[in-house]
Structure formats: structure tokens, C-alpha cells
Amino acid sequence: MSITYKTHRICFKLLLALLAVFSISSCSTDPVIVKNQNIGAALGTSYSLIYLSNKELDYQKEIDSVFTAVNKSLSTYIPDSDISRINMGDTTVVVDAMFKEVFKLSKNIAQKTNGYFDPTVGTLVNAWGFGPGKQIEMDSVKVDSLMQYVGLDKVGIDQSDRIVKKNPNIYFDFNAIAKGYAIDRLGTMFDKKGIEDYLLEVGGEIVAKGKNKLKAKPWLVAIDDPQMQSERKAKKRIYITDRALASSGNYRHFRVDSITGKKHVHTVNPKTGFTKNSNVLGVTILADNCAVADGYATAFMAMDLDESIQILLNQKAVDAYIIYLDQNGETKEFMTNGFETLVVSE
């Protein structure tokens, strides 16, 4: 009888010891969260890439490779890029998968925005002084003559992956979507590395995945006030996860004619060929990927406010926040329901 009791007592003590070891072991294996960040310049702007992991990482080489590949395919500011060679009339260029994907995305966004997104507007962007090409003095006659080079229906990709143009002077300009596309490519790179939580920002465009586990919250991002030109101030703050954000506005990118004093904004209306001065001050778009968000933001800056709102109300693919001036010159806001639910109350 005493042997059985002692045996049970020893087993009980052993069980307590094992539980203590397990408890200590559990506490010591709590996941360590490391904030990794790469900061630099690319695509004519700055970038800040934050990604969380359980150890220190540095993917600078891979990041540089993504930017290099995007530039080689889509940058109009690099003379020997594929798009620059195509724009200069080189018909031997075989476009890569990136070019084809951006071209297809552009066609899709153009169709859904009634043609207000059009990368063939590049000739006019240059002429108005907002691209790498030569700026010229513009009037209605010159605008009309350049409009013959605008239209996605005038270009295509043949079976050998070469660009076909109805007019050799058609000039591609994917700058309104390339930055967003580059961030999407960075996101894909981090996904392949097994990174589950990141916030990628390039020139104000953002892709967010997972959450900020250091704060146990979704990623918090700020949207600039378009009426603060000399300094940056947040107009709204929102929580986002597994979505992309892009903004467009005419509050920083414009040119003032030295002779006439007239202000020309960087948004060119592909329907008229003229720069678009409107009551819309800024547009922020949320979408599943940043290229789409980038394209819609550009299109809505070229459209009248009522047209943009109508498109937004008839689809669920994107959410938007639009800042505009009413007939009395007072600042007003429009938000889709999906966007409004993400706004952080002050």
C-alpha cells in the first residue's frame, strides 16, 4: 500500500515539474516581431517599405531588382527602356510580361471609366510640359492636331508580342499606372518570401498586407490635405489591410505659363486634349491592387465629379474619397460606404 502511495506521489511531483518546464518553454517561445525597413529613391520619387518578420531581414537587392525591371519595361524617362524605344518608332521590340499586363490593365480601366484613362495621351502630356518630351506652345489648333495620336483603340499587341500602332507617332505613357504596378510587384516579391505583414509605400501609393503586429492593429495611413500646398497635413487617417491605396491631385503638380500666367495642371483630359481644371482637388482610391487604384485615381481627376460618383455607385471593385469645391467655393467630401468604414475618428 505504501509503495503505491509513494509511486503516485513521485508521479505527481514529476507531472508538476513537467508542467513547470512546459510553462517556461511556452513563455520563452513567444514570437519575436522584428520591424524591417528599406528606404530609398526610385521611379523619380521616394519609397519606404516596412515588413515584419521573426528575425532581421534585408531584401534591398531584390527590391532594386523589381524597380530595375519595371524601369526597363515601362519608364519613359530611360532612353533605352522598352517603352521609350517603342515611342521612338522601334518596331522590333518584343514586350515583356510586365508591359503586356499593364497594357491589359489599362484597357480594362479605360473601358470601366468611359475612356478617361488612356496611356496614349503621352503626346499631349509632353506637349503640355508634364513629360520627358518637348514642351510646345499649345492652342486649340495644336491640340486638335495631336488628338489624332490618342486612343487605345489605335494600338495593340500582335502574336509575336510586338506593338502595333495605327499611327507611328502614338506615344505611350504608363506613368499614371506604372508606380502602382511597381508596388504590386514588390508585394508579389514579399509574398514569395513568405512575408505576411507589410506596408509598402512608393511616392504616396500604398500596398498593405496583414496588420501592424507591433501595435496589434491594422496598418494606419494618412491622406494629405490637398489645400495645404506649402506643408503636408493629414486630411484623413484610415486603417487598411490587404488593400492598395493611390491618390491623385492637381495641388502639387502644375505649371504656370511664364507669359500668360495661366495655371496648367498635370491632368490631361484624353477626351478634349486640354489640361483639366476642375472643382475636384484630390482623389484617393482603394482597390485590391495598386495599379488599378492608380488608374482610377487618374481617371477621376480627368472626369467631372458627377461622372465619377456615378461610376463608383455602380460597382464594388473600388472605394473612393474625393475632396472637391462646391458652387460656393466651400470644401466638400464624398466617400463611398466602404471607405467611410475605415476612417479613424479623431
Protein backbone atom coordinates (compact mmCIF):
# COMPACT_ATOMS: atom_id res chain seq x y z
CA MET A 1 0.00 0.00 0.00
CA SER A 2 2.82 2.41 0.89
CA ILE A 3 4.66 1.56 -2.32
CA THR A 4 1.64 2.52 -4.38
CA TYR A 5 1.23 5.79 -2.47
CA LYS A 6 4.91 6.72 -2.92
CA THR A 7 4.73 5.85 -6.59
CA HIS A 8 1.72 8.11 -7.07
CA ARG A 9 3.43 10.90 -5.11
CA ILE A 10 6.57 10.65 -7.25
CA CYS A 11 4.49 10.66 -10.44
CA PHE A 12 2.58 13.71 -9.20
CA LYS A 13 5.81 15.59 -8.47
CA LEU A 14 7.16 14.62 -11.88
CA LEU A 15 3.97 15.89 -13.53
CA LEU A 16 4.30 19.23 -11.71
CA ALA A 17 7.90 19.52 -12.84
CA LEU A 18 6.95 18.82 -16.45
CA LEU A 19 4.16 21.40 -16.30
CA ALA A 20 6.60 23.99 -14.95
CA VAL A 21 9.06 23.24 -17.76
CA PHE A 22 6.27 23.47 -20.33
CA SER A 23 5.12 26.80 -18.89
CA ILE A 24 8.62 28.25 -19.02
CA SER A 25 9.11 26.89 -22.51
CA SER A 26 5.81 28.41 -23.69
CA CYS A 27 6.77 31.85 -22.38
CA SER A 28 10.19 31.71 -23.98
CA THR A 29 8.84 30.81 -27.42
CA ASP A 30 6.51 33.79 -27.83
CA PRO A 31 7.07 35.01 -31.41
CA VAL A 32 9.56 37.83 -31.78
CA ILE A 33 8.39 40.57 -34.16
CA VAL A 34 11.11 42.45 -36.00
CA LYS A 35 10.38 45.61 -37.97
CA ASN A 36 12.45 45.65 -41.15
CA GLN A 37 12.50 48.77 -43.29
CA ASN A 38 14.11 49.76 -46.59
CA ILE A 39 14.10 53.45 -47.53
CA GLY A 40 15.35 54.93 -50.78
CA ALA A 41 14.53 56.58 -54.08
CA ALA A 42 13.18 55.05 -57.28
CA LEU A 43 10.82 55.86 -60.15
CA GLY A 44 11.51 59.56 -59.64
CA THR A 45 10.22 59.52 -56.06
CA SER A 46 10.97 58.16 -52.59
CA TYR A 47 9.93 54.85 -51.09
CA SER A 48 9.54 53.32 -47.62
CA LEU A 49 8.98 49.58 -47.34
CA ILE A 50 8.12 48.13 -43.92
CA TYR A 51 7.86 44.38 -43.43
CA LEU A 52 7.56 42.34 -40.24
CA SER A 53 9.24 39.02 -39.55
CA ASN A 54 10.65 36.92 -36.71
CA LYS A 55 14.22 37.98 -37.49
CA GLU A 56 16.17 40.78 -39.11
CA LEU A 57 15.96 40.73 -42.91
CA ASP A 58 17.20 42.92 -45.72
CA TYR A 59 15.78 42.47 -49.22
CA GLN A 60 17.41 45.56 -50.74
CA LYS A 61 18.87 43.60 -53.67
CA GLU A 62 15.50 42.08 -54.50
CA ILE A 63 13.81 45.48 -54.14
CA ASP A 64 16.32 47.08 -56.50
CA SER A 65 15.75 44.27 -59.00
CA VAL A 66 11.99 44.95 -59.07
CA PHE A 67 12.50 48.66 -59.69
CA THR A 68 15.10 47.94 -62.37
CA ALA A 69 12.78 45.54 -64.20
CA VAL A 70 9.84 47.97 -64.08
CA ASN A 71 12.03 50.82 -65.33
CA LYS A 72 13.46 48.77 -68.18
CA SER A 73 9.97 47.92 -69.36
CA LEU A 74 7.85 50.99 -68.60
CA SER A 75 9.90 54.13 -67.85
CA THR A 76 9.58 56.93 -70.41
CA TYR A 77 12.46 58.70 -68.65
CA ILE A 78 15.01 56.00 -69.58
CA PRO A 79 16.01 56.33 -73.27
CA ASP A 80 16.70 52.64 -73.85
CA SER A 81 13.69 51.22 -71.98
CA ASP A 82 11.24 49.14 -73.98
CA ILE A 83 8.55 51.81 -73.89
CA SER A 84 10.98 54.56 -74.94
CA ARG A 85 12.20 52.50 -77.87
CA ILE A 86 8.60 51.83 -78.90
CA ASN A 87 7.78 55.52 -78.62
CA MET A 88 10.76 56.33 -80.85
CA GLY A 89 9.40 54.02 -83.53
CA ASP A 90 11.38 50.81 -82.92
CA THR A 91 9.07 48.07 -84.21
CA THR A 92 11.46 45.24 -83.27
CA VAL A 93 10.82 45.50 -79.52
CA VAL A 94 9.31 42.32 -78.06
CA VAL A 95 7.44 43.46 -74.98
CA ASP A 96 7.78 41.55 -71.72
CA ALA A 97 5.12 40.19 -69.36
CA MET A 98 5.06 43.44 -67.37
CA PHE A 99 4.30 45.57 -70.40
CA LYS A 100 1.57 43.20 -71.51
CA GLU A 101 -0.02 43.11 -68.07
CA VAL A 102 -0.02 46.91 -67.73
CA PHE A 103 -1.39 47.26 -71.26
CA LYS A 104 -4.22 44.83 -70.45
CA LEU A 105 -4.97 46.59 -67.15
CA SER A 106 -5.04 49.94 -68.93
CA LYS A 107 -7.56 48.65 -71.47
CA ASN A 108 -9.77 47.35 -68.67
CA ILE A 109 -9.65 50.58 -66.64
CA ALA A 110 -10.26 52.64 -69.79
CA GLN A 111 -13.37 50.61 -70.53
CA LYS A 112 -14.71 50.98 -66.97
CA THR A 113 -14.01 54.73 -66.81
CA ASN A 114 -15.57 55.52 -70.20
CA GLY A 115 -12.18 56.21 -71.79
CA TYR A 116 -10.99 58.78 -69.26
CA PHE A 117 -7.94 56.64 -68.51
CA ASP A 118 -5.79 56.48 -71.64
CA PRO A 119 -1.99 55.90 -71.67
CA THR A 120 -1.78 57.04 -75.31
CA VAL A 121 -2.29 60.59 -74.07
CA GLY A 122 1.51 60.75 -73.77
CA THR A 123 1.99 63.04 -76.77
CA LEU A 124 -0.25 65.64 -75.13
CA VAL A 125 1.38 65.16 -71.71
CA ASN A 126 4.73 66.01 -73.31
CA ALA A 127 3.33 68.94 -75.27
CA TRP A 128 1.81 70.47 -72.13
CA GLY A 129 5.16 70.17 -70.35
CA PHE A 130 4.47 67.29 -67.95
CA GLY A 131 6.52 64.52 -69.53
CA PRO A 132 10.05 63.79 -70.71
CA GLY A 133 9.29 65.05 -74.23
CA LYS A 134 9.49 68.55 -75.63
CA GLN A 135 7.00 71.15 -74.40
CA ILE A 136 5.40 73.31 -77.08
CA GLU A 137 3.08 76.30 -77.13
CA MET A 138 -0.43 74.92 -77.13
CA ASP A 139 -3.66 76.26 -78.61
CA SER A 140 -6.87 74.66 -79.87
CA VAL A 141 -5.43 74.03 -83.35
CA LYS A 142 -2.37 72.23 -81.99
CA VAL A 143 -4.47 70.24 -79.54
CA ASP A 144 -6.74 69.09 -82.38
CA SER A 145 -3.75 68.02 -84.46
CA LEU A 146 -2.30 65.98 -81.59
CA MET A 147 -5.59 64.27 -80.74
CA GLN A 148 -5.16 62.01 -83.78
CA TYR A 149 -2.44 60.21 -81.78
CA VAL A 150 -4.70 59.50 -78.80
CA GLY A 151 -6.79 56.36 -78.36
CA LEU A 152 -6.18 52.85 -77.01
CA ASP A 153 -8.23 51.53 -79.91
CA LYS A 154 -5.36 52.64 -82.18
CA VAL A 155 -2.79 50.30 -80.63
CA GLY A 156 -2.43 46.59 -79.95
CA ILE A 157 -0.02 43.72 -79.32
CA ASP A 158 0.39 41.13 -82.05
CA GLN A 159 1.05 37.39 -81.70
CA SER A 160 4.81 37.96 -81.64
CA ASP A 161 4.42 40.35 -78.66
CA ARG A 162 5.26 43.44 -80.70
CA ILE A 163 3.34 46.71 -80.52
CA VAL A 164 1.18 47.60 -83.47
CA LYS A 165 0.19 51.26 -83.96
CA LYS A 166 -2.24 52.76 -86.44
CA ASN A 167 -0.04 55.86 -86.39
CA PRO A 168 3.72 55.67 -85.69
CA ASN A 169 3.57 58.93 -83.69
CA ILE A 170 1.39 57.43 -80.96
CA TYR A 171 3.25 57.83 -77.68
CA PHE A 172 2.70 55.53 -74.70
CA ASP A 173 2.81 56.99 -71.19
CA PHE A 174 2.13 54.45 -68.42
CA ASN A 175 3.37 56.78 -65.67
CA ALA A 176 -0.17 57.10 -64.31
CA ILE A 177 -0.24 53.38 -63.55
CA ALA A 178 3.41 52.22 -63.51
CA LYS A 179 4.12 53.36 -59.96
CA GLY A 180 1.13 51.46 -58.63
CA TYR A 181 2.12 48.44 -60.69
CA ALA A 182 5.67 48.57 -59.29
CA ILE A 183 4.32 48.43 -55.74
CA ASP A 184 2.18 45.43 -56.69
CA ARG A 185 5.32 43.72 -58.00
CA LEU A 186 7.10 44.47 -54.72
CA GLY A 187 4.15 42.95 -52.87
CA THR A 188 4.41 39.81 -55.00
CA MET A 189 8.12 39.60 -54.19
CA PHE A 190 7.45 39.83 -50.44
CA ASP A 191 4.65 37.25 -50.75
CA LYS A 192 7.09 34.81 -52.34
CA LYS A 193 9.49 35.43 -49.46
CA GLY A 194 6.78 34.36 -47.04
CA ILE A 195 6.26 37.82 -45.52
CA GLU A 196 2.70 38.04 -44.20
CA ASP A 197 2.65 41.59 -42.83
CA TYR A 198 3.92 44.60 -44.75
CA LEU A 199 3.22 48.23 -45.61
CA LEU A 200 4.79 49.30 -48.91
CA GLU A 201 4.78 52.98 -49.90
CA VAL A 202 6.21 54.49 -53.06
CA GLY A 203 5.57 58.18 -53.67
CA GLY A 204 2.41 58.11 -51.57
CA GLU A 205 0.95 54.99 -53.21
CA ILE A 206 0.47 52.11 -50.79
CA VAL A 207 0.00 48.35 -50.63
CA ALA A 208 -0.82 46.88 -47.22
CA LYS A 209 -0.98 43.23 -46.23
CA GLY A 210 -1.79 41.66 -42.87
CA LYS A 211 -1.51 44.07 -39.97
CA ASN A 212 0.92 46.01 -37.83
CA LYS A 213 1.55 43.31 -35.25
CA LEU A 214 3.79 45.64 -33.24
CA LYS A 215 0.61 47.54 -32.33
CA ALA A 216 -1.87 44.68 -32.84
CA LYS A 217 -3.84 46.86 -35.25
CA PRO A 218 -4.35 47.19 -38.99
CA TRP A 219 -1.92 49.46 -40.83
CA LEU A 220 -2.65 53.15 -40.26
CA VAL A 221 -2.13 55.50 -43.22
CA ALA A 222 -2.72 59.23 -43.67
CA ILE A 223 -4.25 61.06 -46.63
CA ASP A 224 -2.85 64.50 -47.40
CA ASP A 225 -4.96 67.63 -47.27
CA PRO A 226 -4.89 68.90 -50.90
CA GLN A 227 -5.31 72.50 -49.79
CA MET A 228 -2.05 72.51 -47.83
CA GLN A 229 0.47 73.25 -50.59
CA SER A 230 3.44 74.56 -48.58
CA GLU A 231 3.37 71.79 -45.98
CA ARG A 232 1.88 68.34 -45.57
CA LYS A 233 -1.06 67.80 -43.25
CA ALA A 234 -3.30 64.78 -42.88
CA LYS A 235 -6.88 65.26 -44.03
CA LYS A 236 -7.98 61.77 -43.03
CA ARG A 237 -6.44 58.69 -41.41
CA ILE A 238 -7.64 55.21 -42.23
CA TYR A 239 -6.90 51.62 -41.22
CA ILE A 240 -6.29 49.28 -44.12
CA THR A 241 -5.29 45.65 -44.56
CA ASP A 242 -4.96 43.53 -47.69
CA ARG A 243 -5.73 46.51 -49.92
CA ALA A 244 -3.97 49.12 -52.02
CA LEU A 245 -4.30 52.90 -51.99
CA ALA A 246 -3.46 55.53 -54.59
CA SER A 247 -4.09 59.26 -54.62
CA SER A 248 -4.08 61.87 -57.35
CA GLY A 249 -4.45 65.62 -57.27
CA ASN A 250 -3.53 68.83 -59.01
CA TYR A 251 -2.41 70.62 -55.88
CA ARG A 252 1.33 69.98 -56.28
CA HIS A 253 1.84 69.03 -59.93
CA PHE A 254 1.11 72.05 -62.10
CA ARG A 255 2.86 74.56 -64.32
CA VAL A 256 2.29 78.31 -64.59
CA ASP A 257 2.81 79.84 -68.04
CA SER A 258 5.59 82.44 -67.71
CA ILE A 259 3.93 84.70 -70.30
CA THR A 260 0.19 84.40 -69.68
CA GLY A 261 0.35 83.47 -66.00
CA LYS A 262 -2.25 80.74 -66.63
CA LYS A 263 -2.07 77.66 -64.45
CA HIS A 264 -1.89 74.29 -66.25
CA VAL A 265 -2.42 71.19 -64.11
CA HIS A 266 -0.78 67.85 -64.88
CA THR A 267 -4.05 66.01 -65.56
CA VAL A 268 -4.77 65.90 -69.29
CA ASN A 269 -8.31 65.08 -70.37
CA PRO A 270 -7.97 62.41 -73.10
CA LYS A 271 -11.40 63.36 -74.47
CA THR A 272 -10.50 67.00 -75.16
CA GLY A 273 -6.70 67.10 -75.14
CA PHE A 274 -6.64 70.02 -72.72
CA THR A 275 -5.39 70.09 -69.15
CA LYS A 276 -8.23 69.64 -66.72
CA ASN A 277 -9.01 72.41 -64.25
CA SER A 278 -11.98 71.29 -62.19
CA ASN A 279 -13.56 71.58 -58.78
CA VAL A 280 -12.06 68.23 -57.78
CA LEU A 281 -9.00 68.85 -55.59
CA GLY A 282 -7.92 65.30 -54.81
CA VAL A 283 -8.97 61.68 -55.25
CA THR A 284 -7.96 58.69 -53.13
CA ILE A 285 -8.84 55.18 -54.33
CA LEU A 286 -8.81 51.85 -52.50
CA ALA A 287 -8.65 48.69 -54.61
CA ASP A 288 -7.35 45.13 -54.49
CA ASN A 289 -4.14 46.19 -56.25
CA CYS A 290 -2.33 49.48 -56.60
CA ALA A 291 -2.20 49.61 -60.40
CA VAL A 292 -5.99 49.63 -60.53
CA ALA A 293 -6.19 52.21 -57.73
CA ASP A 294 -3.64 54.37 -59.59
CA GLY A 295 -5.58 54.18 -62.84
CA TYR A 296 -8.95 55.06 -61.30
CA ALA A 297 -7.45 57.96 -59.34
CA THR A 298 -6.04 59.40 -62.57
CA ALA A 299 -9.30 58.91 -64.48
CA PHE A 300 -11.42 60.55 -61.77
CA MET A 301 -9.19 63.63 -61.84
CA ALA A 302 -9.98 63.98 -65.55
CA MET A 303 -13.72 63.39 -65.15
CA ASP A 304 -16.46 65.60 -63.83
CA LEU A 305 -17.40 64.81 -60.23
CA ASP A 306 -20.90 63.59 -61.10
CA GLU A 307 -19.49 61.09 -63.61
CA SER A 308 -17.02 59.72 -61.07
CA ILE A 309 -19.70 59.29 -58.42
CA GLN A 310 -21.98 57.51 -60.87
CA ILE A 311 -19.23 55.01 -61.75
CA LEU A 312 -18.49 54.42 -58.06
CA LEU A 313 -22.14 53.80 -57.21
CA ASN A 314 -22.48 51.22 -59.99
CA GLN A 315 -19.57 48.97 -58.97
CA LYS A 316 -17.95 47.42 -55.89
CA ALA A 317 -14.37 46.90 -57.06
CA VAL A 318 -13.02 50.19 -55.71
CA ASP A 319 -13.77 52.60 -52.89
CA ALA A 320 -13.07 56.32 -53.05
CA TYR A 321 -12.62 59.52 -51.11
CA ILE A 322 -12.98 62.71 -53.18
CA ILE A 323 -12.29 66.23 -51.97
CA TYR A 324 -13.89 68.99 -54.04
CA LEU A 325 -15.17 72.56 -54.02
CA ASP A 326 -18.89 73.21 -54.27
CA GLN A 327 -20.50 76.05 -56.23
CA ASN A 328 -19.80 78.44 -53.35
CA GLY A 329 -16.13 77.51 -53.21
CA GLU A 330 -16.51 75.59 -49.96
CA THR A 331 -14.57 72.35 -49.42
CA LYS A 332 -16.75 69.24 -49.53
CA GLU A 333 -16.12 65.50 -49.36
CA PHE A 334 -17.56 62.39 -50.97
CA MET A 335 -16.85 58.93 -49.58
CA THR A 336 -18.11 55.52 -50.57
CA ASN A 337 -19.52 53.44 -47.72
CA GLY A 338 -16.57 51.06 -47.90
CA PHE A 339 -14.11 53.90 -47.47
CA GLU A 340 -16.06 55.55 -44.66
CA THR A 341 -15.93 52.41 -42.50
CA LEU A 342 -12.11 52.59 -42.48
CA VAL A 343 -11.78 56.22 -41.34
CA VAL A 344 -10.22 56.66 -37.90
CA SER A 345 -12.22 59.09 -35.77
CA GLU A 346 -10.13 61.92 -34.36
